[in-house]
Amino acid sequence: MTVLDAYAVIAYLRAEPAASEVRPLLDGGEATLTAIGVAEVLDHLVRLAGADEEDVALDLAQLRLIDGTVVDSELGLGAGRLRAHHYNRSRCQVSMADCIAAEAARQTGQPLATSDPHLLDLCRQEGIATIVLTRSDGTKWTAPA
């Protein structure tokens, strides 16, 4: 199984550069998205990309992602700790949704697929396995030396 951050799904649905990297994760049927990630995908595609919300929900259902991983108190506390320890307005702008995805990956022992450099830095520091995806601009994060 692989935990996807919202960008991975958005990139796939919008045929961005990471789509070819996300496709095998989805095709295996072992990819998951948190419930917050489901909300983030819907919000982004409807509000920013002008997609129809029913179409987005249908896309998520067809990808078997609509029933996102539930954010229970244990996951919420772990995500809150991650953000409290790592967030910095200028150096590490990780969102709460990012931290929830990272904590879900940690708790399940599965990699997190993302292109977000701040989230990838956090995961590296926390020892959370990742799958580095290509960003919208075609670049890819590399770990600092």
C-alpha atoms as a PDB file:
ATOM      1  CA  MET A   1       0.000   0.000   0.000  1.00  0.00           C
ATOM      2  CA  THR A   2       1.041   3.586  -0.601  1.00  0.00           C
ATOM      3  CA  VAL A   3      -0.366   6.693   1.064  1.00  0.00           C
ATOM      4  CA  LEU A   4      -0.958   9.432  -1.493  1.00  0.00           C
ATOM      5  CA  ASP A   5      -0.942  13.107  -0.705  1.00  0.00           C
ATOM      6  CA  ALA A   6      -3.609  15.192  -2.423  1.00  0.00           C
ATOM      7  CA  TYR A   7      -1.155  16.485  -5.051  1.00  0.00           C
ATOM      8  CA  ALA A   8      -0.524  12.946  -6.303  1.00  0.00           C
ATOM      9  CA  VAL A   9      -4.215  12.483  -7.071  1.00  0.00           C
ATOM     10  CA  ILE A  10      -4.614  15.982  -8.494  1.00  0.00           C
ATOM     11  CA  ALA A  11      -1.578  15.434 -10.742  1.00  0.00           C
ATOM     12  CA  TYR A  12      -3.042  12.158 -11.961  1.00  0.00           C
ATOM     13  CA  LEU A  13      -6.486  13.600 -12.666  1.00  0.00           C
ATOM     14  CA  ARG A  14      -5.023  16.652 -14.445  1.00  0.00           C
ATOM     15  CA  ALA A  15      -2.491  14.599 -16.463  1.00  0.00           C
ATOM     16  CA  GLU A  16       0.451  16.506 -14.973  1.00  0.00           C
ATOM     17  CA  PRO A  17       4.032  15.183 -15.157  1.00  0.00           C
ATOM     18  CA  ALA A  18       3.584  12.939 -12.080  1.00  0.00           C
ATOM     19  CA  ALA A  19       0.562  11.168 -13.595  1.00  0.00           C
ATOM     20  CA  SER A  20       2.697   8.403 -15.104  1.00  0.00           C
ATOM     21  CA  GLU A  21       4.307   7.835 -11.687  1.00  0.00           C
ATOM     22  CA  VAL A  22       0.966   7.772  -9.860  1.00  0.00           C
ATOM     23  CA  ARG A  23      -0.789   5.467 -12.330  1.00  0.00           C
ATOM     24  CA  PRO A  24       0.996   2.252 -11.244  1.00  0.00           C
ATOM     25  CA  LEU A  25       0.261   3.066  -7.607  1.00  0.00           C
ATOM     26  CA  LEU A  26      -3.440   3.368  -8.425  1.00  0.00           C
ATOM     27  CA  ASP A  27      -3.508   0.399 -10.795  1.00  0.00           C
ATOM     28  CA  GLY A  28      -2.236  -1.893  -8.052  1.00  0.00           C
ATOM     29  CA  GLY A  29      -5.300  -1.043  -5.978  1.00  0.00           C
ATOM     30  CA  GLU A  30      -3.144  -0.548  -2.918  1.00  0.00           C
ATOM     31  CA  ALA A  31      -3.101   3.253  -2.817  1.00  0.00           C
ATOM     32  CA  THR A  32      -4.941   5.189  -0.150  1.00  0.00           C
ATOM     33  CA  LEU A  33      -5.787   8.793   0.568  1.00  0.00           C
ATOM     34  CA  THR A  34      -6.750  10.201   3.952  1.00  0.00           C
ATOM     35  CA  ALA A  35     -10.237  11.620   4.449  1.00  0.00           C
ATOM     36  CA  ILE A  36      -8.593  15.060   4.646  1.00  0.00           C
ATOM     37  CA  GLY A  37      -6.831  14.304   1.363  1.00  0.00           C
ATOM     38  CA  VAL A  38     -10.193  13.495  -0.239  1.00  0.00           C
ATOM     39  CA  ALA A  39     -11.457  16.899   0.914  1.00  0.00           C
ATOM     40  CA  GLU A  40      -8.317  18.624  -0.336  1.00  0.00           C
ATOM     41  CA  VAL A  41      -8.582  17.035  -3.805  1.00  0.00           C
ATOM     42  CA  LEU A  42     -12.226  18.024  -4.126  1.00  0.00           C
ATOM     43  CA  ASP A  43     -11.594  21.570  -2.893  1.00  0.00           C
ATOM     44  CA  HIS A  44      -8.630  22.134  -5.214  1.00  0.00           C
ATOM     45  CA  LEU A  45     -10.264  20.750  -8.343  1.00  0.00           C
ATOM     46  CA  VAL A  46     -13.611  22.478  -7.807  1.00  0.00           C
ATOM     47  CA  ARG A  47     -12.419  25.815  -6.434  1.00  0.00           C
ATOM     48  CA  LEU A  48      -9.187  26.296  -8.371  1.00  0.00           C
ATOM     49  CA  ALA A  49      -9.611  24.201 -11.504  1.00  0.00           C
ATOM     50  CA  GLY A  50     -13.343  24.738 -12.025  1.00  0.00           C
ATOM     51  CA  ALA A  51     -14.224  21.037 -12.063  1.00  0.00           C
ATOM     52  CA  ASP A  52     -17.728  19.819 -11.319  1.00  0.00           C
ATOM     53  CA  GLU A  53     -17.878  18.473  -7.759  1.00  0.00           C
ATOM     54  CA  GLU A  54     -19.930  15.401  -8.760  1.00  0.00           C
ATOM     55  CA  ASP A  55     -17.360  14.571 -11.440  1.00  0.00           C
ATOM     56  CA  VAL A  56     -14.538  14.837  -8.894  1.00  0.00           C
ATOM     57  CA  ALA A  57     -16.409  12.593  -6.454  1.00  0.00           C
ATOM     58  CA  LEU A  58     -17.013  10.079  -9.249  1.00  0.00           C
ATOM     59  CA  ASP A  59     -13.331  10.169 -10.232  1.00  0.00           C
ATOM     60  CA  LEU A  60     -12.316   9.512  -6.617  1.00  0.00           C
ATOM     61  CA  ALA A  61     -14.817   6.654  -6.376  1.00  0.00           C
ATOM     62  CA  GLN A  62     -13.567   5.088  -9.618  1.00  0.00           C
ATOM     63  CA  LEU A  63      -9.996   5.279  -8.297  1.00  0.00           C
ATOM     64  CA  ARG A  64     -11.189   3.561  -5.079  1.00  0.00           C
ATOM     65  CA  LEU A  65     -10.055   6.576  -3.033  1.00  0.00           C
ATOM     66  CA  ILE A  66     -13.404   8.062  -1.989  1.00  0.00           C
ATOM     67  CA  ASP A  67     -13.412   6.217   1.344  1.00  0.00           C
ATOM     68  CA  GLY A  68     -10.316   7.918   2.674  1.00  0.00           C
ATOM     69  CA  THR A  69      -8.442   6.749   5.734  1.00  0.00           C
ATOM     70  CA  VAL A  70     -10.312   7.990   8.792  1.00  0.00           C
ATOM     71  CA  VAL A  71      -8.511  10.569  10.889  1.00  0.00           C
ATOM     72  CA  ASP A  72      -8.947   9.277  14.413  1.00  0.00           C
ATOM     73  CA  SER A  73      -7.525  10.788  17.592  1.00  0.00           C
ATOM     74  CA  GLU A  74      -4.268   8.833  17.357  1.00  0.00           C
ATOM     75  CA  LEU A  75      -3.651   9.981  13.791  1.00  0.00           C
ATOM     76  CA  GLY A  76      -4.690  13.535  14.670  1.00  0.00           C
ATOM     77  CA  LEU A  77      -2.356  13.714  17.656  1.00  0.00           C
ATOM     78  CA  GLY A  78       0.569  12.355  15.649  1.00  0.00           C
ATOM     79  CA  ALA A  79      -0.071  14.808  12.823  1.00  0.00           C
ATOM     80  CA  GLY A  80      -0.333  17.674  15.288  1.00  0.00           C
ATOM     81  CA  ARG A  81       3.022  16.705  16.793  1.00  0.00           C
ATOM     82  CA  LEU A  82       4.644  16.597  13.361  1.00  0.00           C
ATOM     83  CA  ARG A  83       3.381  20.052  12.443  1.00  0.00           C
ATOM     84  CA  ALA A  84       4.263  21.498  15.858  1.00  0.00           C
ATOM     85  CA  HIS A  85       7.832  20.208  15.537  1.00  0.00           C
ATOM     86  CA  HIS A  86       8.470  20.988  11.870  1.00  0.00           C
ATOM     87  CA  TYR A  87       6.331  23.870  10.652  1.00  0.00           C
ATOM     88  CA  ASN A  88       8.199  27.105  10.047  1.00  0.00           C
ATOM     89  CA  ARG A  89       6.712  29.925   8.023  1.00  0.00           C
ATOM     90  CA  SER A  90       9.855  30.473   5.958  1.00  0.00           C
ATOM     91  CA  ARG A  91      11.655  27.091   6.012  1.00  0.00           C
ATOM     92  CA  CYS A  92       9.023  24.355   6.261  1.00  0.00           C
ATOM     93  CA  GLN A  93       5.512  25.300   5.227  1.00  0.00           C
ATOM     94  CA  VAL A  94       3.805  21.964   5.756  1.00  0.00           C
ATOM     95  CA  SER A  95       0.036  22.041   6.005  1.00  0.00           C
ATOM     96  CA  MET A  96      -1.958  20.062   8.528  1.00  0.00           C
ATOM     97  CA  ALA A  97      -3.227  17.917   5.627  1.00  0.00           C
ATOM     98  CA  ASP A  98       0.413  17.171   4.721  1.00  0.00           C
ATOM     99  CA  CYS A  99       1.168  16.157   8.292  1.00  0.00           C
ATOM    100  CA  ILE A 100      -1.912  13.930   8.430  1.00  0.00           C
ATOM    101  CA  ALA A 101      -0.757  12.141   5.272  1.00  0.00           C
ATOM    102  CA  ALA A 102       2.780  11.768   6.662  1.00  0.00           C
ATOM    103  CA  GLU A 103       1.505  10.415   9.973  1.00  0.00           C
ATOM    104  CA  ALA A 104      -0.821   7.990   8.172  1.00  0.00           C
ATOM    105  CA  ALA A 105       2.210   6.683   6.271  1.00  0.00           C
ATOM    106  CA  ARG A 106       4.203   6.374   9.489  1.00  0.00           C
ATOM    107  CA  GLN A 107       1.405   4.550  11.323  1.00  0.00           C
ATOM    108  CA  THR A 108       0.851   2.066   8.492  1.00  0.00           C
ATOM    109  CA  GLY A 109       4.539   1.632   7.726  1.00  0.00           C
ATOM    110  CA  GLN A 110       3.847   2.508   4.102  1.00  0.00           C
ATOM    111  CA  PRO A 111       5.527   5.102   1.874  1.00  0.00           C
ATOM    112  CA  LEU A 112       4.018   8.501   1.216  1.00  0.00           C
ATOM    113  CA  ALA A 113       3.879   9.559  -2.446  1.00  0.00           C
ATOM    114  CA  THR A 114       4.370  13.323  -2.828  1.00  0.00           C
ATOM    115  CA  SER A 115       6.304  15.979  -4.704  1.00  0.00           C
ATOM    116  CA  ASP A 116       6.097  18.586  -1.925  1.00  0.00           C
ATOM    117  CA  PRO A 117       9.685  19.504  -0.973  1.00  0.00           C
ATOM    118  CA  HIS A 118       8.744  20.636   2.546  1.00  0.00           C
ATOM    119  CA  LEU A 119       6.830  17.423   3.174  1.00  0.00           C
ATOM    120  CA  LEU A 120       9.665  15.346   1.738  1.00  0.00           C
ATOM    121  CA  ASP A 121      12.139  17.126   4.044  1.00  0.00           C
ATOM    122  CA  LEU A 122       9.881  16.408   7.031  1.00  0.00           C
ATOM    123  CA  CYS A 123       9.568  12.736   6.066  1.00  0.00           C
ATOM    124  CA  ARG A 124      13.330  12.419   5.629  1.00  0.00           C
ATOM    125  CA  GLN A 125      13.924  13.907   9.071  1.00  0.00           C
ATOM    126  CA  GLU A 126      11.272  11.640  10.634  1.00  0.00           C
ATOM    127  CA  GLY A 127      12.362   8.461   8.843  1.00  0.00           C
ATOM    128  CA  ILE A 128       9.065   8.137   6.964  1.00  0.00           C
ATOM    129  CA  ALA A 129       9.460   6.297   3.652  1.00  0.00           C
ATOM    130  CA  THR A 130       8.560   8.291   0.543  1.00  0.00           C
ATOM    131  CA  ILE A 131       8.002   7.965  -3.155  1.00  0.00           C
ATOM    132  CA  VAL A 132       9.263  11.193  -4.728  1.00  0.00           C
ATOM    133  CA  LEU A 133       6.986  12.407  -7.506  1.00  0.00           C
ATOM    134  CA  THR A 134       7.747  14.882 -10.269  1.00  0.00           C
ATOM    135  CA  ARG A 135       6.439  18.380  -9.601  1.00  0.00           C
ATOM    136  CA  SER A 136       4.103  20.269 -11.932  1.00  0.00           C
ATOM    137  CA  ASP A 137       7.080  22.163 -13.356  1.00  0.00           C
ATOM    138  CA  GLY A 138       8.872  18.906 -14.250  1.00  0.00           C
ATOM    139  CA  THR A 139      11.474  19.091 -11.466  1.00  0.00           C
ATOM    140  CA  LYS A 140      12.041  16.478  -8.798  1.00  0.00           C
ATOM    141  CA  TRP A 141      13.119  16.898  -5.151  1.00  0.00           C
ATOM    142  CA  THR A 142      16.451  15.468  -4.098  1.00  0.00           C
ATOM    143  CA  ALA A 143      17.566  14.971  -0.512  1.00  0.00           C
ATOM    144  CA  PRO A 144      20.076  17.544   0.737  1.00  0.00           C
ATOM    145  CA  ALA A 145      23.635  16.275   0.913  1.00  0.00           C
END
